[in-house]
C-alpha atoms as a PDB file:
ATOM      1  CA  MET A   1       0.000   0.000   0.000  1.00  0.00           C
ATOM      2  CA  LYS A   2       1.373   3.423  -0.917  1.00  0.00           C
ATOM      3  CA  MET A   3       2.449   5.580   2.018  1.00  0.00           C
ATOM      4  CA  ASN A   4       2.573   9.352   1.816  1.00  0.00           C
ATOM      5  CA  PHE A   5       6.015  10.241   3.102  1.00  0.00           C
ATOM      6  CA  ARG A   6       9.282  11.153   1.477  1.00  0.00           C
ATOM      7  CA  PRO A   7      11.715   8.280   0.801  1.00  0.00           C
ATOM      8  CA  ALA A   8      14.562  10.283   2.326  1.00  0.00           C
ATOM      9  CA  ASN A   9      12.831  10.142   5.680  1.00  0.00           C
ATOM     10  CA  LEU A  10      11.924   6.436   5.627  1.00  0.00           C
ATOM     11  CA  LEU A  11      14.880   5.391   7.790  1.00  0.00           C
ATOM     12  CA  LEU A  12      14.014   8.069  10.350  1.00  0.00           C
ATOM     13  CA  LEU A  13      10.447   6.786  10.558  1.00  0.00           C
ATOM     14  CA  VAL A  14      11.629   3.229  11.107  1.00  0.00           C
ATOM     15  CA  ILE A  15      13.991   4.302  13.896  1.00  0.00           C
ATOM     16  CA  LEU A  16      11.321   6.412  15.605  1.00  0.00           C
ATOM     17  CA  PHE A  17       8.656   3.718  15.677  1.00  0.00           C
ATOM     18  CA  GLU A  18      10.614   0.460  15.822  1.00  0.00           C
ATOM     19  CA  SER A  19      10.797   0.492  19.606  1.00  0.00           C
ATOM     20  CA  CYS A  20       7.064   1.130  20.123  1.00  0.00           C
ATOM     21  CA  ALA A  21       5.372  -0.929  17.433  1.00  0.00           C
ATOM     22  CA  VAL A  22       2.498  -3.131  18.501  1.00  0.00           C
ATOM     23  CA  ASP A  23       3.726  -6.623  19.274  1.00  0.00           C
ATOM     24  CA  THR A  24       1.202  -8.393  17.043  1.00  0.00           C
ATOM     25  CA  THR A  25       1.896 -11.685  15.300  1.00  0.00           C
ATOM     26  CA  ILE A  26       0.757 -11.211  11.712  1.00  0.00           C
ATOM     27  CA  ASP A  27      -0.925 -14.365  10.455  1.00  0.00           C
ATOM     28  CA  THR A  28      -1.920 -13.522   6.893  1.00  0.00           C
ATOM     29  CA  SER A  29      -3.146 -17.081   6.370  1.00  0.00           C
ATOM     30  CA  ALA A  30      -5.731 -16.988   9.168  1.00  0.00           C
ATOM     31  CA  GLU A  31      -9.070 -18.343   7.984  1.00  0.00           C
ATOM     32  CA  LEU A  32     -10.943 -16.024  10.367  1.00  0.00           C
ATOM     33  CA  SER A  33      -9.482 -12.636  11.177  1.00  0.00           C
ATOM     34  CA  VAL A  34      -9.966  -8.931  11.744  1.00  0.00           C
ATOM     35  CA  ILE A  35      -7.792  -6.428   9.903  1.00  0.00           C
ATOM     36  CA  VAL A  36      -7.322  -2.827  11.043  1.00  0.00           C
ATOM     37  CA  LEU A  37      -8.070  -0.532   8.092  1.00  0.00           C
ATOM     38  CA  GLY A  38      -7.556   2.822   9.808  1.00  0.00           C
ATOM     39  CA  VAL A  39      -6.775   4.254  13.234  1.00  0.00           C
ATOM     40  CA  ALA A  40      -7.475   7.999  13.124  1.00  0.00           C
ATOM     41  CA  GLN A  41     -10.380  10.051  14.432  1.00  0.00           C
ATOM     42  CA  ASP A  42     -13.080  11.160  11.966  1.00  0.00           C
ATOM     43  CA  GLY A  43     -10.958  13.880  10.346  1.00  0.00           C
ATOM     44  CA  GLY A  44      -8.003  11.605   9.620  1.00  0.00           C
ATOM     45  CA  TYR A  45      -4.361  12.654   9.811  1.00  0.00           C
ATOM     46  CA  PRO A  46      -3.347  15.263   8.852  1.00  0.00           C
ATOM     47  CA  GLN A  47      -6.653  16.982   9.491  1.00  0.00           C
ATOM     48  CA  ALA A  48      -8.059  19.620   7.140  1.00  0.00           C
ATOM     49  CA  GLY A  49      -6.997  23.120   8.132  1.00  0.00           C
ATOM     50  CA  CYS A  50      -4.501  21.924  10.733  1.00  0.00           C
ATOM     51  CA  GLU A  51      -1.406  24.132  11.009  1.00  0.00           C
ATOM     52  CA  LYS A  52      -0.243  22.656  14.307  1.00  0.00           C
ATOM     53  CA  ALA A  53       3.125  20.998  14.834  1.00  0.00           C
ATOM     54  CA  CYS A  54       1.444  17.577  14.850  1.00  0.00           C
ATOM     55  CA  CYS A  55       0.268  17.965  11.247  1.00  0.00           C
ATOM     56  CA  LYS A  56       3.447  19.683  10.107  1.00  0.00           C
ATOM     57  CA  LEU A  57       5.227  16.384  10.796  1.00  0.00           C
ATOM     58  CA  TYR A  58       3.362  14.954   7.820  1.00  0.00           C
ATOM     59  CA  PHE A  59       4.027  17.901   5.520  1.00  0.00           C
ATOM     60  CA  ALA A  60       7.714  17.757   6.473  1.00  0.00           C
ATOM     61  CA  GLY A  61       7.781  14.098   5.448  1.00  0.00           C
ATOM     62  CA  GLN A  62       8.352  12.859   8.998  1.00  0.00           C
ATOM     63  CA  HIS A  63       5.120  10.882   9.412  1.00  0.00           C
ATOM     64  CA  LYS A  64       2.763   9.078   7.078  1.00  0.00           C
ATOM     65  CA  SER A  65      -0.910   9.944   6.721  1.00  0.00           C
ATOM     66  CA  GLU A  66      -3.424   7.923   8.738  1.00  0.00           C
ATOM     67  CA  LYS A  67      -6.840   6.736   7.589  1.00  0.00           C
ATOM     68  CA  VAL A  68     -10.020   7.003   9.619  1.00  0.00           C
ATOM     69  CA  VAL A  69     -10.845   4.142  11.979  1.00  0.00           C
ATOM     70  CA  ALA A  70     -12.335   1.026  10.376  1.00  0.00           C
ATOM     71  CA  LEU A  71     -12.053  -2.752  10.627  1.00  0.00           C
ATOM     72  CA  GLY A  72     -12.433  -5.563   8.133  1.00  0.00           C
ATOM     73  CA  ILE A  73     -13.722  -9.018   9.068  1.00  0.00           C
ATOM     74  CA  VAL A  74     -12.528 -11.861   6.842  1.00  0.00           C
ATOM     75  CA  ASP A  75     -13.919 -15.396   6.804  1.00  0.00           C
ATOM     76  CA  ARG A  76     -11.935 -17.381   4.239  1.00  0.00           C
ATOM     77  CA  LYS A  77     -13.855 -20.527   5.190  1.00  0.00           C
ATOM     78  CA  SER A  78     -17.006 -18.971   3.739  1.00  0.00           C
ATOM     79  CA  ASN A  79     -15.317 -16.593   1.254  1.00  0.00           C
ATOM     80  CA  LYS A  80     -16.948 -13.575   2.871  1.00  0.00           C
ATOM     81  CA  VAL A  81     -15.801 -10.114   3.950  1.00  0.00           C
ATOM     82  CA  TRP A  82     -17.480  -7.440   6.069  1.00  0.00           C
ATOM     83  CA  VAL A  83     -16.412  -3.910   6.929  1.00  0.00           C
ATOM     84  CA  ILE A  84     -17.119  -2.047  10.160  1.00  0.00           C
ATOM     85  CA  GLU A  85     -17.542   1.687   9.413  1.00  0.00           C
ATOM     86  CA  ALA A  86     -17.859   3.390   6.043  1.00  0.00           C
ATOM     87  CA  THR A  87     -15.262   6.128   6.375  1.00  0.00           C
ATOM     88  CA  PRO A  88     -14.170   8.940   4.050  1.00  0.00           C
ATOM     89  CA  ASP A  89     -11.285   6.578   3.195  1.00  0.00           C
ATOM     90  CA  PHE A  90     -13.612   3.743   2.173  1.00  0.00           C
ATOM     91  CA  GLY A  91     -12.195   3.420  -1.358  1.00  0.00           C
ATOM     92  CA  GLU A  92      -8.661   2.668  -0.199  1.00  0.00           C
ATOM     93  CA  GLN A  93      -9.853   0.617   2.752  1.00  0.00           C
ATOM     94  CA  TRP A  94     -12.017  -1.609   0.574  1.00  0.00           C
ATOM     95  CA  ARG A  95      -9.021  -2.210  -1.686  1.00  0.00           C
ATOM     96  CA  ALA A  96      -6.879  -3.047   1.352  1.00  0.00           C
ATOM     97  CA  VAL A  97      -9.283  -5.627   2.753  1.00  0.00           C
ATOM     98  CA  LYS A  98      -9.770  -7.174  -0.697  1.00  0.00           C
ATOM     99  CA  ASP A  99      -6.017  -7.482  -1.174  1.00  0.00           C
ATOM    100  CA  TYR A 100      -5.693  -9.083   2.247  1.00  0.00           C
ATOM    101  CA  ALA A 101      -8.636 -11.465   1.880  1.00  0.00           C
ATOM    102  CA  LYS A 102      -7.578 -12.820  -1.527  1.00  0.00           C
ATOM    103  CA  ILE A 103     -11.095 -14.131  -2.130  1.00  0.00           C
ATOM    104  CA  PRO A 104     -11.840 -14.713  -5.848  1.00  0.00           C
ATOM    105  CA  ASN A 105     -14.482 -12.556  -7.561  1.00  0.00           C
ATOM    106  CA  LEU A 106     -15.011 -10.339  -4.522  1.00  0.00           C
ATOM    107  CA  THR A 107     -16.673  -7.182  -5.873  1.00  0.00           C
ATOM    108  CA  LYS A 108     -18.443  -5.761  -2.829  1.00  0.00           C
ATOM    109  CA  PRO A 109     -18.608  -6.264   0.936  1.00  0.00           C
ATOM    110  CA  ASP A 110     -20.938  -8.944   2.230  1.00  0.00           C
ATOM    111  CA  GLY A 111     -22.068  -6.312   4.690  1.00  0.00           C
ATOM    112  CA  ILE A 112     -21.141  -2.992   6.277  1.00  0.00           C
ATOM    113  CA  PHE A 113     -21.717  -2.360   9.979  1.00  0.00           C
ATOM    114  CA  LEU A 114     -22.068   1.246  11.134  1.00  0.00           C
ATOM    115  CA  THR A 115     -21.593   2.539  14.678  1.00  0.00           C
ATOM    116  CA  HIS A 116     -23.197   5.989  14.373  1.00  0.00           C
ATOM    117  CA  ALA A 117     -23.884   9.071  12.263  1.00  0.00           C
ATOM    118  CA  HIS A 118     -20.718  11.131  12.698  1.00  0.00           C
ATOM    119  CA  ILE A 119     -18.759  12.012   9.571  1.00  0.00           C
ATOM    120  CA  GLY A 120     -15.921   9.534   9.945  1.00  0.00           C
ATOM    121  CA  HIS A 121     -18.180   6.548  10.406  1.00  0.00           C
ATOM    122  CA  TYR A 122     -20.788   6.550   7.635  1.00  0.00           C
ATOM    123  CA  THR A 123     -20.028   9.098   4.882  1.00  0.00           C
ATOM    124  CA  GLY A 124     -18.004   6.539   2.913  1.00  0.00           C
ATOM    125  CA  LEU A 125     -21.334   5.019   1.906  1.00  0.00           C
ATOM    126  CA  MET A 126     -21.258   7.556  -0.931  1.00  0.00           C
ATOM    127  CA  GLN A 127     -18.658   5.367  -2.654  1.00  0.00           C
ATOM    128  CA  LEU A 128     -21.324   2.690  -3.141  1.00  0.00           C
ATOM    129  CA  GLY A 129     -23.478   5.025  -5.246  1.00  0.00           C
ATOM    130  CA  HIS A 130     -23.902   5.143  -9.006  1.00  0.00           C
ATOM    131  CA  GLU A 131     -21.288   7.922  -9.268  1.00  0.00           C
ATOM    132  CA  ALA A 132     -18.629   5.509  -7.964  1.00  0.00           C
ATOM    133  CA  MET A 133     -18.887   1.721  -7.360  1.00  0.00           C
ATOM    134  CA  GLY A 134     -22.499   1.430  -8.445  1.00  0.00           C
ATOM    135  CA  ALA A 135     -22.890  -1.358  -5.923  1.00  0.00           C
ATOM    136  CA  LYS A 136     -26.011  -3.505  -5.796  1.00  0.00           C
ATOM    137  CA  ASP A 137     -27.862  -4.455  -2.609  1.00  0.00           C
ATOM    138  CA  VAL A 138     -24.972  -4.176  -0.145  1.00  0.00           C
ATOM    139  CA  PRO A 139     -26.376  -4.971   3.322  1.00  0.00           C
ATOM    140  CA  VAL A 140     -25.757  -2.043   5.675  1.00  0.00           C
ATOM    141  CA  TYR A 141     -26.424  -2.897   9.316  1.00  0.00           C
ATOM    142  CA  VAL A 142     -27.811  -0.027  11.380  1.00  0.00           C
ATOM    143  CA  MET A 143     -29.785   0.746  14.518  1.00  0.00           C
ATOM    144  CA  PRO A 144     -33.369   2.113  14.168  1.00  0.00           C
ATOM    145  CA  ARG A 145     -32.570   5.847  14.343  1.00  0.00           C
ATOM    146  CA  MET A 146     -29.662   5.405  11.946  1.00  0.00           C
ATOM    147  CA  LYS A 147     -31.969   3.583   9.533  1.00  0.00           C
ATOM    148  CA  LYS A 148     -34.447   6.462   9.673  1.00  0.00           C
ATOM    149  CA  PHE A 149     -31.665   9.029   9.183  1.00  0.00           C
ATOM    150  CA  LEU A 150     -30.273   7.319   6.080  1.00  0.00           C
ATOM    151  CA  SER A 151     -33.697   6.584   4.624  1.00  0.00           C
ATOM    152  CA  GLU A 152     -35.075  10.098   4.968  1.00  0.00           C
ATOM    153  CA  HIS A 153     -32.111  12.351   4.186  1.00  0.00           C
ATOM    154  CA  GLY A 154     -30.279  12.770   0.905  1.00  0.00           C
ATOM    155  CA  PRO A 155     -27.910  11.904  -0.546  1.00  0.00           C
ATOM    156  CA  TRP A 156     -28.066   8.722   1.555  1.00  0.00           C
ATOM    157  CA  SER A 157     -31.712   8.065   0.741  1.00  0.00           C
ATOM    158  CA  GLN A 158     -30.736   7.819  -2.930  1.00  0.00           C
ATOM    159  CA  LEU A 159     -28.525   4.849  -2.105  1.00  0.00           C
ATOM    160  CA  VAL A 160     -31.603   3.174  -0.658  1.00  0.00           C
ATOM    161  CA  ASP A 161     -33.884   4.205  -3.520  1.00  0.00           C
ATOM    162  CA  PHE A 162     -31.389   3.003  -6.153  1.00  0.00           C
ATOM    163  CA  ASN A 163     -30.839  -0.280  -4.271  1.00  0.00           C
ATOM    164  CA  ASN A 164     -27.137   0.391  -3.863  1.00  0.00           C
ATOM    165  CA  ILE A 165     -27.612  -0.543  -0.219  1.00  0.00           C
ATOM    166  CA  GLN A 166     -30.138  -2.575   1.754  1.00  0.00           C
ATOM    167  CA  LEU A 167     -30.591  -1.308   5.303  1.00  0.00           C
ATOM    168  CA  GLN A 168     -30.663  -4.113   7.866  1.00  0.00           C
ATOM    169  CA  GLU A 169     -32.052  -3.013  11.225  1.00  0.00           C
ATOM    170  CA  MET A 170     -30.215  -4.256  14.302  1.00  0.00           C
ATOM    171  CA  LYS A 171     -31.313  -4.549  17.924  1.00  0.00           C
ATOM    172  CA  ASP A 172     -29.308  -3.758  21.017  1.00  0.00           C
ATOM    173  CA  ASP A 173     -27.462  -6.834  22.306  1.00  0.00           C
ATOM    174  CA  SER A 174     -28.990  -9.073  19.637  1.00  0.00           C
ATOM    175  CA  VAL A 175     -26.586 -11.553  18.043  1.00  0.00           C
ATOM    176  CA  ILE A 176     -26.198 -11.528  14.252  1.00  0.00           C
ATOM    177  CA  HIS A 177     -24.786 -14.765  12.839  1.00  0.00           C
ATOM    178  CA  LEU A 178     -22.696 -13.809   9.822  1.00  0.00           C
ATOM    179  CA  THR A 179     -21.765 -17.415   9.051  1.00  0.00           C
ATOM    180  CA  ARG A 180     -21.574 -20.595  11.111  1.00  0.00           C
ATOM    181  CA  ASN A 181     -18.028 -19.486  11.973  1.00  0.00           C
ATOM    182  CA  ILE A 182     -18.547 -15.946  13.212  1.00  0.00           C
ATOM    183  CA  SER A 183     -21.121 -13.654  14.810  1.00  0.00           C
ATOM    184  CA  ILE A 184     -21.361  -9.977  15.706  1.00  0.00           C
ATOM    185  CA  THR A 185     -23.407  -8.264  18.400  1.00  0.00           C
ATOM    186  CA  PRO A 186     -24.161  -4.518  18.569  1.00  0.00           C
ATOM    187  CA  PHE A 187     -24.556  -2.858  21.962  1.00  0.00           C
ATOM    188  CA  LEU A 188     -25.515   0.717  22.797  1.00  0.00           C
ATOM    189  CA  VAL A 189     -22.954   3.099  24.282  1.00  0.00           C
ATOM    190  CA  PRO A 190     -23.368   6.721  25.435  1.00  0.00           C
ATOM    191  CA  HIS A 191     -22.158   9.331  22.943  1.00  0.00           C
ATOM    192  CA  ARG A 192     -23.340  12.492  21.169  1.00  0.00           C
ATOM    193  CA  ASP A 193     -26.386  11.053  19.461  1.00  0.00           C
ATOM    194  CA  GLU A 194     -27.639  13.990  17.396  1.00  0.00           C
ATOM    195  CA  TYR A 195     -28.761  11.884  14.435  1.00  0.00           C
ATOM    196  CA  SER A 196     -28.501   8.264  15.510  1.00  0.00           C
ATOM    197  CA  GLU A 197     -27.696   5.862  18.295  1.00  0.00           C
ATOM    198  CA  THR A 198     -24.078   4.887  18.907  1.00  0.00           C
ATOM    199  CA  VAL A 199     -23.017   1.270  19.237  1.00  0.00           C
ATOM    200  CA  GLY A 200     -19.958  -0.803  19.842  1.00  0.00           C
ATOM    201  CA  TYR A 201     -19.599  -4.399  18.623  1.00  0.00           C
ATOM    202  CA  ARG A 202     -18.595  -7.782  20.008  1.00  0.00           C
ATOM    203  CA  ILE A 203     -17.196 -10.135  17.402  1.00  0.00           C
ATOM    204  CA  ASN A 204     -17.188 -13.818  18.297  1.00  0.00           C
ATOM    205  CA  SER A 205     -15.782 -16.917  16.671  1.00  0.00           C
ATOM    206  CA  GLU A 206     -15.678 -20.348  18.257  1.00  0.00           C
ATOM    207  CA  ASN A 207     -12.360 -19.620  19.933  1.00  0.00           C
ATOM    208  CA  THR A 208     -11.888 -15.846  20.060  1.00  0.00           C
ATOM    209  CA  SER A 209     -13.813 -12.716  21.027  1.00  0.00           C
ATOM    210  CA  LEU A 210     -13.161  -9.064  20.263  1.00  0.00           C
ATOM    211  CA  LEU A 211     -14.682  -5.859  21.634  1.00  0.00           C
ATOM    212  CA  PHE A 212     -14.781  -2.764  19.390  1.00  0.00           C
ATOM    213  CA  ILE A 213     -15.754   0.630  20.845  1.00  0.00           C
ATOM    214  CA  PRO A 214     -14.342   3.417  18.644  1.00  0.00           C
ATOM    215  CA  ASP A 215     -16.507   6.188  20.146  1.00  0.00           C
ATOM    216  CA  ILE A 216     -17.912   6.534  23.657  1.00  0.00           C
ATOM    217  CA  ASN A 217     -18.338   9.130  26.378  1.00  0.00           C
ATOM    218  CA  LYS A 218     -16.332   8.785  29.590  1.00  0.00           C
ATOM    219  CA  TRP A 219     -16.275   5.205  30.817  1.00  0.00           C
ATOM    220  CA  GLU A 220     -18.228   6.113  33.959  1.00  0.00           C
ATOM    221  CA  LYS A 221     -21.118   7.308  31.766  1.00  0.00           C
ATOM    222  CA  TRP A 222     -21.611   3.747  30.504  1.00  0.00           C
ATOM    223  CA  ASP A 223     -23.832   1.370  32.449  1.00  0.00           C
ATOM    224  CA  ARG A 224     -21.135  -1.295  32.217  1.00  0.00           C
ATOM    225  CA  ASP A 225     -17.665  -1.495  33.713  1.00  0.00           C
ATOM    226  CA  ILE A 226     -14.992  -1.410  31.014  1.00  0.00           C
ATOM    227  CA  VAL A 227     -12.489  -3.414  33.075  1.00  0.00           C
ATOM    228  CA  SER A 228     -15.082  -6.142  33.551  1.00  0.00           C
ATOM    229  CA  GLU A 229     -16.058  -6.081  29.870  1.00  0.00           C
ATOM    230  CA  VAL A 230     -12.429  -6.447  28.796  1.00  0.00           C
ATOM    231  CA  SER A 231     -12.022  -9.433  31.123  1.00  0.00           C
ATOM    232  CA  LYS A 232     -14.722 -11.256  29.113  1.00  0.00           C
ATOM    233  CA  VAL A 233     -12.969 -10.991  25.729  1.00  0.00           C
ATOM    234  CA  ASP A 234      -9.612 -11.737  24.126  1.00  0.00           C
ATOM    235  CA  HIS A 235      -9.101  -8.329  22.491  1.00  0.00           C
ATOM    236  CA  ALA A 236     -10.596  -4.877  23.143  1.00  0.00           C
ATOM    237  CA  ILE A 237     -10.153  -2.101  20.566  1.00  0.00           C
ATOM    238  CA  VAL A 238     -11.278   1.075  22.315  1.00  0.00           C
ATOM    239  CA  ASP A 239     -11.704   4.834  21.964  1.00  0.00           C
ATOM    240  CA  ALA A 240      -8.435   6.722  22.434  1.00  0.00           C
ATOM    241  CA  SER A 241      -9.335  10.020  20.793  1.00  0.00           C
ATOM    242  CA  PHE A 242      -7.212  12.087  23.179  1.00  0.00           C
ATOM    243  CA  TYR A 243      -4.190  11.289  25.304  1.00  0.00           C
ATOM    244  CA  LYS A 244      -4.748  13.582  28.279  1.00  0.00           C
ATOM    245  CA  ASP A 245      -6.336  16.759  29.582  1.00  0.00           C
ATOM    246  CA  GLY A 246      -4.806  19.944  28.165  1.00  0.00           C
ATOM    247  CA  GLU A 247      -4.061  18.380  24.788  1.00  0.00           C
ATOM    248  CA  ILE A 248      -5.935  21.113  22.914  1.00  0.00           C
ATOM    249  CA  PRO A 249      -4.752  24.579  24.060  1.00  0.00           C
ATOM    250  CA  GLY A 250      -7.546  27.064  24.663  1.00  0.00           C
ATOM    251  CA  ARG A 251     -10.218  24.368  24.773  1.00  0.00           C
ATOM    252  CA  ASP A 252     -12.048  23.327  27.927  1.00  0.00           C
ATOM    253  CA  MET A 253     -11.505  19.605  27.641  1.00  0.00           C
ATOM    254  CA  SER A 254     -14.134  18.886  30.266  1.00  0.00           C
ATOM    255  CA  GLU A 255     -16.518  19.532  27.360  1.00  0.00           C
ATOM    256  CA  ILE A 256     -14.897  16.638  25.471  1.00  0.00           C
ATOM    257  CA  LEU A 257     -16.507  13.488  26.765  1.00  0.00           C
ATOM    258  CA  HIS A 258     -14.193  10.893  25.214  1.00  0.00           C
ATOM    259  CA  PRO A 259     -12.131   8.878  27.715  1.00  0.00           C
ATOM    260  CA  PHE A 260      -8.520  10.042  27.617  1.00  0.00           C
ATOM    261  CA  ILE A 261      -5.858   7.361  27.217  1.00  0.00           C
ATOM    262  CA  GLU A 262      -4.412   8.333  30.600  1.00  0.00           C
ATOM    263  CA  GLU A 263      -7.841   7.789  32.190  1.00  0.00           C
ATOM    264  CA  THR A 264      -8.261   4.366  30.608  1.00  0.00           C
ATOM    265  CA  MET A 265      -4.785   3.301  31.683  1.00  0.00           C
ATOM    266  CA  LYS A 266      -5.523   4.448  35.236  1.00  0.00           C
ATOM    267  CA  LEU A 267      -8.678   2.309  35.342  1.00  0.00           C
ATOM    268  CA  PHE A 268      -6.528  -0.721  34.503  1.00  0.00           C
ATOM    269  CA  LEU A 269      -3.747   0.208  36.937  1.00  0.00           C
ATOM    270  CA  MET A 270      -4.508  -2.700  39.279  1.00  0.00           C
ATOM    271  CA  ALA A 271      -5.464  -5.125  36.503  1.00  0.00           C
ATOM    272  CA  GLU A 272      -3.280  -8.102  35.698  1.00  0.00           C
ATOM    273  CA  LYS A 273      -0.808  -7.769  32.846  1.00  0.00           C
ATOM    274  CA  VAL A 274      -2.826 -10.167  30.696  1.00  0.00           C
ATOM    275  CA  GLN A 275      -5.840  -7.837  30.930  1.00  0.00           C
ATOM    276  CA  LYS A 276      -3.865  -4.731  29.968  1.00  0.00           C
ATOM    277  CA  GLU A 277      -2.445  -6.552  26.962  1.00  0.00           C
ATOM    278  CA  LYS A 278      -5.963  -7.013  25.598  1.00  0.00           C
ATOM    279  CA  VAL A 279      -6.502  -3.243  25.312  1.00  0.00           C
ATOM    280  CA  ILE A 280      -5.747  -1.755  21.886  1.00  0.00           C
ATOM    281  CA  PHE A 281      -6.119   2.014  21.492  1.00  0.00           C
ATOM    282  CA  ILE A 282      -7.713   3.402  18.314  1.00  0.00           C
ATOM    283  CA  HIS A 283      -9.617   6.464  16.956  1.00  0.00           C
ATOM    284  CA  LEU A 284      -6.684   8.802  17.612  1.00  0.00           C
ATOM    285  CA  ASN A 285      -7.240  12.525  17.075  1.00  0.00           C
ATOM    286  CA  HIS A 286      -4.595  14.339  15.013  1.00  0.00           C
ATOM    287  CA  THR A 287      -3.498  16.160  18.196  1.00  0.00           C
ATOM    288  CA  ASN A 288      -2.981  12.919  20.105  1.00  0.00           C
ATOM    289  CA  PRO A 289       0.760  12.310  20.613  1.00  0.00           C
ATOM    290  CA  ALA A 290       0.059   8.577  20.725  1.00  0.00           C
ATOM    291  CA  LEU A 291      -0.409   8.882  16.971  1.00  0.00           C
ATOM    292  CA  TRP A 292       2.923  10.494  16.094  1.00  0.00           C
ATOM    293  CA  ASP A 293       5.233  10.835  19.134  1.00  0.00           C
ATOM    294  CA  SER A 294       7.558   7.905  19.778  1.00  0.00           C
ATOM    295  CA  LYS A 295       8.078   8.669  23.481  1.00  0.00           C
ATOM    296  CA  THR A 296       4.350   8.786  24.191  1.00  0.00           C
ATOM    297  CA  ARG A 297       3.821   5.564  22.277  1.00  0.00           C
ATOM    298  CA  LYS A 298       6.600   3.870  24.217  1.00  0.00           C
ATOM    299  CA  ASP A 299       5.115   5.053  27.530  1.00  0.00           C
ATOM    300  CA  ILE A 300       1.808   3.432  26.569  1.00  0.00           C
ATOM    301  CA  THR A 301       3.206   0.148  25.295  1.00  0.00           C
ATOM    302  CA  SER A 302       5.695  -0.211  28.154  1.00  0.00           C
ATOM    303  CA  SER A 303       2.701   0.005  30.502  1.00  0.00           C
ATOM    304  CA  GLY A 304       1.314  -3.112  28.843  1.00  0.00           C
ATOM    305  CA  PHE A 305      -1.190  -1.613  26.404  1.00  0.00           C
ATOM    306  CA  LYS A 306      -1.222  -1.621  22.602  1.00  0.00           C
ATOM    307  CA  ILE A 307      -1.815   0.997  19.927  1.00  0.00           C
ATOM    308  CA  ALA A 308      -3.602  -0.063  16.764  1.00  0.00           C
ATOM    309  CA  ALA A 309      -1.792   0.344  13.453  1.00  0.00           C
ATOM    310  CA  GLU A 310      -3.185   0.147   9.948  1.00  0.00           C
ATOM    311  CA  GLY A 311      -2.668  -3.381   8.651  1.00  0.00           C
ATOM    312  CA  ASP A 312      -2.684  -5.094  12.056  1.00  0.00           C
ATOM    313  CA  ILE A 313      -4.185  -8.581  11.840  1.00  0.00           C
ATOM    314  CA  ILE A 314      -6.031 -10.218  14.732  1.00  0.00           C
ATOM    315  CA  PRO A 315      -6.635 -13.933  14.042  1.00  0.00           C
ATOM    316  CA  LEU A 316     -10.000 -15.245  15.231  1.00  0.00           C
ATOM    317  CA  ASN A 317      -9.303 -18.951  14.564  1.00  0.00           C
END
């Protein structure tokens, strides 16, 4: 996959990130797996209009661009592929999951699962329209308010009217069996729900389980305990939009309800090492030093946690 940085700075990038890369065993032959297709917050990295030092790293050729958070689910046993989130980077992300899956005659996803109606999580649906892919009857799994939003507001309603997509209504905590090998369960989480509900997902195979919560308000706003929820699964990919309070100068960050990485790490302070190792941080804002600063990344990983990277593979066999 093409990366947007200058060749002259490639060695520098390798040196900066070698010591803090996620320790993930890449099993490209896994019959059941999840692939990370993007790790950034809705605006991606660099973010439009950003003149801060964090974005200047990219324009100086010192860091690659980062796509918006999305996952692919691959079941080679059944020759099927699903995508969680339809981001502004959907075109490249669909190519990436196709290249990874290596499933013959794969022309469209077997389904797309959306979490909510914020720009980084559903606007990639436009790529399925007749101006682009011209897809036919792609199942798009949504909660009731999200279904109403897409059905009643253009240009999304045109995708429904033209049968580019088929909206499949989900229910909170109701299991959806994708194949006999794998299932997915949506569950409601608290967030800014201007246009739709917000959900996370549990992905289950016979042997492995994964929790995915890219967007949520502070953990204490949820009616479940995140430490307990992580103890029930093998992997937990969670909201890490911001690293700590004070990250955005001039902004009252008490108004920002996302859990900071420092807060999440503190909640797991007394947890066993094996529990911390399940936690994988994702949905990183462009200002978040965990995205581009090697020292911050090392501090996180040396504490036992992981940071998602585009292309990470999590086997579900």
